[in-house]
Amino acid sequence: MRPRLALVPGEPAGIGPELCVRLAHRGCAADLVAYADPDALRAAADAIGMTLRLRDPGQTCGPGELALHPVPQARPTRFGHADPDNAAAVVQALHEGGAACLSGECQGLVTGPVHKASINDGGIPYTGTTELLAAQAGTAVVMMLANPTLRVALATTHLPLRAVADAITAAGLTLTLQVLHAALVRDFGLAAPRIAVLGLNPHAGEDGHLGHEEIDTLIPVMRALAAQGMDLIGPLPADTAFLPQKLAGFDAVLAMYHDQGLPVLKHAGFENAVNITLGLPYPRVAVDHGTALDLAGRGLADPSSLFAAADLCAQLGARRKSP
């Protein structure tokens, strides 16, 4: 079953548009519909010396062609210079791509990098695309990053470090593990996934000598969910949990905060890493890199992450679409 995917380039002044042009030439196992400003895509194609033909949604596209759902931006793109006046168009493209997935018009969403500061400077409160899509769908979600060898989900996402401990509650951790477990079963075909849970504190709290979050929150939640049939390992000290011999026994790792798990994943395979939003009614896969304003329009950006995101989203979308 060939799915249709909504493709949102993200920040028009960054590398997202040119990566979408490269994806149009390379293709994937899905029909792509770009939610973007047509002039931004054409400018990106011209800047990197590639052809691009924009077509109406529903038309068959060949190499170098891309179906377009136009989302006009306020000002022309200047590669390398994020313009807050275009923030509304960036957010609108995300909302419209998400809405197409919620309606069933598309079976998945692939997103490029956005410039959070520019969106906020444009007067739109914005913490991240994951949070935006969760609010639109009205569902609890979990951020998981993955590459061909490792999956790392997050108990908390974009928070200051001093706010993390208070954000890890029994109810929140329970929901996160339930969403993660369900997604591994449904979307990744793992009948009985094994999930490693990292401790919050050094040495996973050292039996209460280095913090009580493991004793007070993590262990009771894990025991309760294990009684319901989940295979959970931990809480594990984060400094040794990523050793290859240990990772071989896990299907995913749940880190307590952003910089506890993601540096390891990015070191293990940054170019092919993707960002997956678990818990939405549709698959959403994003690139695992930023806007790279310094590279935009120069033809130097590596498209590997967007290619990997589109390939994975196509697989997940086909699985959701199959009867």
Protein backbone atom coordinates (compact mmCIF):
# COMPACT_ATOMS: atom_id res chain seq x y z
CA MET A 1 0.00 0.00 0.00
CA ARG A 2 1.66 3.22 -1.17
CA PRO A 3 0.95 6.00 1.34
CA ARG A 4 0.73 9.73 0.78
CA LEU A 5 2.98 11.84 3.00
CA ALA A 6 2.76 15.53 3.85
CA LEU A 7 6.22 17.09 3.52
CA VAL A 8 6.93 20.34 5.39
CA PRO A 9 10.36 21.89 4.67
CA GLY A 10 10.42 24.02 7.85
CA GLU A 11 12.38 27.27 8.02
CA PRO A 12 12.51 28.62 4.44
CA ALA A 13 15.84 30.40 4.96
CA GLY A 14 17.51 27.19 6.11
CA ILE A 15 18.44 23.97 4.37
CA GLY A 16 14.96 22.41 4.55
CA PRO A 17 13.75 23.55 1.10
CA GLU A 18 16.86 22.36 -0.73
CA LEU A 19 16.71 19.00 1.05
CA CYS A 20 13.13 18.64 -0.18
CA VAL A 21 14.32 19.33 -3.72
CA ARG A 22 16.90 16.58 -3.37
CA LEU A 23 14.23 14.24 -1.99
CA ALA A 24 12.02 15.01 -5.01
CA HIS A 25 14.84 13.81 -7.28
CA ARG A 26 15.67 10.78 -5.16
CA GLY A 27 12.07 9.74 -4.31
CA CYS A 28 10.78 7.28 -1.72
CA ALA A 29 8.11 4.60 -1.38
CA ALA A 30 5.34 7.18 -0.94
CA ASP A 31 3.58 9.99 -2.77
CA LEU A 32 4.84 13.31 -1.40
CA VAL A 33 2.86 16.53 -1.07
CA ALA A 34 4.91 19.55 -0.01
CA TYR A 35 3.23 22.11 2.25
CA ALA A 36 5.34 25.13 1.43
CA ASP A 37 5.76 28.39 -0.44
CA PRO A 38 6.34 27.55 -4.13
CA ASP A 39 8.80 30.40 -4.62
CA ALA A 40 10.90 29.19 -1.68
CA LEU A 41 11.16 25.72 -3.20
CA ARG A 42 12.02 27.09 -6.65
CA ALA A 43 14.63 29.40 -5.15
CA ALA A 44 16.20 26.46 -3.34
CA ALA A 45 16.30 24.42 -6.54
CA ASP A 46 17.91 27.29 -8.43
CA ALA A 47 20.44 27.88 -5.65
CA ILE A 48 21.72 24.32 -5.75
CA GLY A 49 21.50 23.94 -9.52
CA MET A 50 18.72 21.35 -9.66
CA THR A 51 15.47 21.28 -11.57
CA LEU A 52 12.10 21.22 -9.84
CA ARG A 53 8.63 20.97 -11.33
CA LEU A 54 5.73 21.63 -8.97
CA ARG A 55 2.50 19.79 -9.63
CA ASP A 56 -0.99 19.73 -8.17
CA PRO A 57 -1.75 17.25 -5.35
CA GLY A 58 -3.02 13.99 -6.78
CA GLN A 59 -0.91 14.18 -9.93
CA THR A 60 1.69 11.50 -10.50
CA CYS A 61 5.20 12.82 -9.92
CA GLY A 62 8.42 11.61 -11.45
CA PRO A 63 12.01 12.42 -10.50
CA GLY A 64 12.48 16.14 -9.98
CA GLU A 65 8.74 16.71 -9.54
CA LEU A 66 6.88 17.48 -6.33
CA ALA A 67 3.18 17.85 -5.62
CA LEU A 68 2.47 21.12 -3.82
CA HIS A 69 -0.08 22.39 -1.35
CA PRO A 70 0.88 26.08 -1.38
CA VAL A 71 1.43 27.95 1.88
CA PRO A 72 2.52 31.47 0.89
CA GLN A 73 5.02 33.25 3.10
CA ALA A 74 5.05 36.97 3.81
CA ARG A 75 8.50 37.79 2.46
CA PRO A 76 10.83 36.25 -0.14
CA THR A 77 13.41 33.83 1.16
CA ARG A 78 16.93 35.06 1.86
CA PHE A 79 18.94 31.91 2.48
CA GLY A 80 20.87 32.14 5.71
CA HIS A 81 18.64 34.86 7.17
CA ALA A 82 15.59 33.63 9.09
CA ASP A 83 12.84 36.25 8.85
CA PRO A 84 10.33 36.40 11.75
CA ASP A 85 7.76 37.75 9.28
CA ASN A 86 7.67 34.26 7.74
CA ALA A 87 7.05 32.54 11.08
CA ALA A 88 3.29 32.39 10.54
CA ALA A 89 3.75 30.53 7.24
CA VAL A 90 6.09 28.00 8.85
CA VAL A 91 3.59 27.26 11.60
CA GLN A 92 0.66 27.24 9.15
CA ALA A 93 2.42 24.64 7.00
CA LEU A 94 2.88 22.41 10.03
CA HIS A 95 -0.74 22.83 11.07
CA GLU A 96 -2.05 22.13 7.57
CA GLY A 97 0.20 19.11 7.11
CA GLY A 98 -0.93 17.75 10.47
CA ALA A 99 -4.57 18.42 9.61
CA ALA A 100 -4.20 16.49 6.35
CA CYS A 101 -2.97 13.51 8.36
CA LEU A 102 -5.75 13.80 10.92
CA SER A 103 -8.36 13.82 8.13
CA GLY A 104 -6.85 10.77 6.43
CA GLU A 105 -5.87 12.72 3.34
CA CYS A 106 -2.23 11.87 4.13
CA GLN A 107 -0.90 8.85 6.00
CA GLY A 108 2.16 10.47 7.53
CA LEU A 109 4.03 13.72 8.09
CA VAL A 110 7.70 14.39 7.31
CA THR A 111 9.12 17.64 8.66
CA GLY A 112 12.30 19.59 8.07
CA PRO A 113 14.07 21.79 10.63
CA VAL A 114 12.44 24.93 12.03
CA HIS A 115 14.06 27.98 13.59
CA LYS A 116 12.46 28.26 17.03
CA ALA A 117 13.89 31.68 17.82
CA SER A 118 12.55 33.15 14.58
CA ILE A 119 9.07 31.76 15.25
CA ASN A 120 9.03 33.22 18.75
CA ASP A 121 10.42 36.50 17.43
CA GLY A 122 7.50 36.48 15.02
CA GLY A 123 5.13 36.64 17.98
CA ILE A 124 4.13 32.96 18.05
CA PRO A 125 4.88 31.12 21.32
CA TYR A 126 6.65 27.94 20.21
CA THR A 127 8.59 25.29 22.10
CA GLY A 128 8.79 22.64 19.39
CA THR A 129 6.98 20.89 16.55
CA THR A 130 6.38 17.84 18.72
CA GLU A 131 4.42 19.94 21.18
CA LEU A 132 2.56 21.77 18.40
CA LEU A 133 1.36 18.56 16.77
CA ALA A 134 0.40 17.03 20.11
CA ALA A 135 -1.77 20.06 20.92
CA GLN A 136 -3.39 19.95 17.49
CA ALA A 137 -4.21 16.24 17.77
CA GLY A 138 -5.16 16.40 21.44
CA THR A 139 -3.02 13.40 22.32
CA ALA A 140 -0.16 12.61 24.66
CA VAL A 141 3.04 12.08 22.70
CA VAL A 142 6.58 10.89 23.25
CA MET A 143 9.65 12.07 21.37
CA MET A 144 11.88 9.25 20.17
CA LEU A 145 15.03 9.63 18.12
CA ALA A 146 16.38 6.69 16.18
CA ASN A 147 19.11 5.63 13.83
CA PRO A 148 19.72 2.18 12.34
CA THR A 149 21.26 0.89 15.60
CA LEU A 150 19.56 2.74 18.47
CA ARG A 151 16.19 4.12 19.61
CA VAL A 152 16.11 6.70 22.41
CA ALA A 153 12.82 8.08 23.77
CA LEU A 154 12.55 11.00 26.19
CA ALA A 155 10.59 11.30 29.43
CA THR A 156 10.95 15.11 29.20
CA THR A 157 11.79 17.15 26.12
CA HIS A 158 12.65 20.84 25.89
CA LEU A 159 13.01 21.90 29.51
CA PRO A 160 15.70 23.76 31.44
CA LEU A 161 17.75 21.26 33.39
CA ARG A 162 16.66 22.64 36.77
CA ALA A 163 13.01 21.89 35.83
CA VAL A 164 13.54 18.26 34.84
CA ALA A 165 13.29 16.55 38.24
CA ASP A 166 9.96 18.19 39.07
CA ALA A 167 8.61 17.26 35.65
CA ILE A 168 9.18 13.53 36.18
CA THR A 169 6.02 12.39 37.94
CA ALA A 170 4.53 8.94 38.38
CA ALA A 171 1.58 9.79 36.14
CA GLY A 172 3.75 11.32 33.44
CA LEU A 173 6.28 8.51 33.45
CA THR A 174 3.52 5.90 33.33
CA LEU A 175 1.93 7.54 30.31
CA THR A 176 5.28 7.93 28.56
CA LEU A 177 6.11 4.25 28.96
CA GLN A 178 2.63 3.22 27.83
CA VAL A 179 2.87 5.35 24.67
CA LEU A 180 6.40 4.10 23.95
CA HIS A 181 5.47 0.45 24.47
CA ALA A 182 2.34 0.71 22.29
CA ALA A 183 4.26 2.39 19.47
CA LEU A 184 7.01 -0.23 19.50
CA VAL A 185 4.35 -2.92 19.17
CA ARG A 186 2.12 -1.22 16.60
CA ASP A 187 4.57 0.68 14.42
CA PHE A 188 7.77 -1.33 14.75
CA GLY A 189 6.27 -4.81 14.91
CA LEU A 190 7.86 -5.80 18.23
CA ALA A 191 5.54 -8.22 19.99
CA ALA A 192 7.28 -7.91 23.37
CA PRO A 193 9.62 -4.90 23.35
CA ARG A 194 12.35 -4.63 25.99
CA ILE A 195 12.75 -1.05 27.21
CA ALA A 196 15.73 0.15 29.21
CA VAL A 197 14.84 2.97 31.64
CA LEU A 198 17.64 5.29 32.66
CA GLY A 199 17.87 6.73 36.14
CA LEU A 200 17.64 10.47 36.59
CA ASN A 201 20.63 10.78 38.93
CA PRO A 202 24.26 9.66 38.62
CA HIS A 203 24.57 5.92 39.27
CA ALA A 204 20.74 5.77 39.17
CA GLY A 205 20.62 7.41 42.58
CA GLU A 206 23.08 5.08 44.33
CA ASP A 207 20.31 3.58 46.51
CA GLY A 208 19.14 7.02 47.60
CA HIS A 209 22.55 8.50 48.35
CA LEU A 210 22.55 10.57 45.13
CA GLY A 211 18.85 11.38 44.89
CA HIS A 212 15.51 9.78 45.65
CA GLU A 213 13.68 10.04 42.31
CA GLU A 214 14.54 6.45 41.41
CA ILE A 215 13.22 5.10 44.71
CA ASP A 216 10.21 7.39 44.98
CA THR A 217 9.03 7.49 41.38
CA LEU A 218 10.83 5.37 38.80
CA ILE A 219 10.93 2.01 40.56
CA PRO A 220 7.26 2.03 41.69
CA VAL A 221 6.10 2.96 38.18
CA MET A 222 8.24 0.29 36.57
CA ARG A 223 7.00 -2.37 38.97
CA ALA A 224 3.38 -1.45 38.32
CA LEU A 225 3.83 -1.59 34.55
CA ALA A 226 5.86 -4.81 34.74
CA ALA A 227 2.91 -6.36 36.54
CA GLN A 228 0.83 -5.43 33.48
CA GLY A 229 3.24 -7.27 31.18
CA MET A 230 5.80 -4.69 30.12
CA ASP A 231 9.44 -5.77 29.91
CA LEU A 232 11.29 -2.89 31.60
CA ILE A 233 14.95 -2.92 32.66
CA GLY A 234 16.34 -0.44 35.18
CA PRO A 235 16.60 2.18 36.41
CA LEU A 236 20.04 1.99 34.83
CA PRO A 237 23.00 4.33 35.32
CA ALA A 238 23.16 6.41 32.16
CA ASP A 239 26.95 6.32 31.96
CA THR A 240 27.03 2.56 31.30
CA ALA A 241 23.62 1.82 29.78
CA PHE A 242 24.81 2.62 26.26
CA LEU A 243 27.64 0.11 26.22
CA PRO A 244 27.21 -2.04 23.09
CA GLN A 245 26.88 -5.30 24.99
CA LYS A 246 24.01 -3.84 27.02
CA LEU A 247 22.26 -2.13 24.10
CA ALA A 248 22.11 -5.45 22.31
CA GLY A 249 19.48 -6.56 24.80
CA PHE A 250 17.18 -3.51 24.44
CA ASP A 251 14.67 -2.48 21.79
CA ALA A 252 14.60 1.12 23.05
CA VAL A 253 16.04 3.30 25.79
CA LEU A 254 13.98 5.80 27.78
CA ALA A 255 16.14 8.75 28.87
CA MET A 256 14.90 11.13 31.53
CA TYR A 257 15.92 14.30 29.73
CA HIS A 258 17.07 15.61 26.38
CA ASP A 259 20.83 15.72 26.86
CA GLN A 260 21.01 12.47 28.80
CA GLY A 261 20.34 10.26 25.80
CA LEU A 262 20.53 12.23 22.60
CA PRO A 263 24.27 13.01 22.53
CA VAL A 264 24.96 9.27 22.54
CA LEU A 265 22.51 8.61 19.72
CA LYS A 266 23.85 11.45 17.61
CA HIS A 267 27.42 10.29 18.14
CA ALA A 268 26.39 6.78 17.09
CA GLY A 269 24.93 7.91 13.75
CA PHE A 270 23.95 11.55 13.37
CA GLU A 271 23.62 11.55 9.57
CA ASN A 272 20.94 8.83 9.53
CA ALA A 273 19.16 9.80 12.74
CA VAL A 274 15.51 10.82 12.70
CA ASN A 275 13.04 12.25 15.21
CA ILE A 276 9.78 10.30 15.62
CA THR A 277 6.69 11.56 17.43
CA LEU A 278 5.01 8.59 19.10
CA GLY A 279 1.36 8.70 20.15
CA LEU A 280 -0.09 10.75 17.29
CA PRO A 281 -2.92 9.21 15.22
CA TYR A 282 -0.48 9.19 12.30
CA PRO A 283 3.29 8.71 11.86
CA ARG A 284 5.41 11.84 12.09
CA VAL A 285 9.11 11.63 11.35
CA ALA A 286 11.47 14.61 11.30
CA VAL A 287 15.09 15.27 10.52
CA ASP A 288 17.47 15.19 13.45
CA HIS A 289 19.34 18.40 12.71
CA GLY A 290 18.82 22.13 12.69
CA THR A 291 18.29 24.72 10.00
CA ALA A 292 22.03 25.12 9.26
CA LEU A 293 21.59 28.70 8.10
CA ASP A 294 25.30 28.92 7.32
CA LEU A 295 24.94 26.17 4.70
CA ALA A 296 21.60 27.19 3.20
CA GLY A 297 21.52 27.77 -0.54
CA ARG A 298 25.06 26.51 -1.06
CA GLY A 299 24.32 22.91 -2.02
CA LEU A 300 26.48 21.56 0.80
CA ALA A 301 23.80 20.18 3.14
CA ASP A 302 23.69 16.42 3.67
CA PRO A 303 20.20 15.09 2.81
CA SER A 304 20.69 11.73 4.58
CA SER A 305 18.47 12.53 7.57
CA LEU A 306 15.56 13.71 5.41
CA PHE A 307 15.93 10.66 3.18
CA ALA A 308 15.87 8.42 6.27
CA ALA A 309 12.86 10.30 7.68
CA ALA A 310 10.89 9.91 4.45
CA ASP A 311 11.78 6.23 4.13
CA LEU A 312 10.76 5.44 7.70
CA CYS A 313 7.57 7.50 7.48
CA ALA A 314 6.66 5.68 4.26
CA GLN A 315 7.10 2.34 6.01
CA LEU A 316 5.05 3.40 9.03
CA GLY A 317 2.39 5.02 6.86
CA ALA A 318 2.04 1.91 4.72
CA ARG A 319 1.66 -0.21 7.85
CA ARG A 320 -1.07 2.11 9.19
CA LYS A 321 -2.79 2.17 5.78
CA SER A 322 -2.80 -1.62 5.35
CA PRO A 323 -6.08 -3.31 6.35
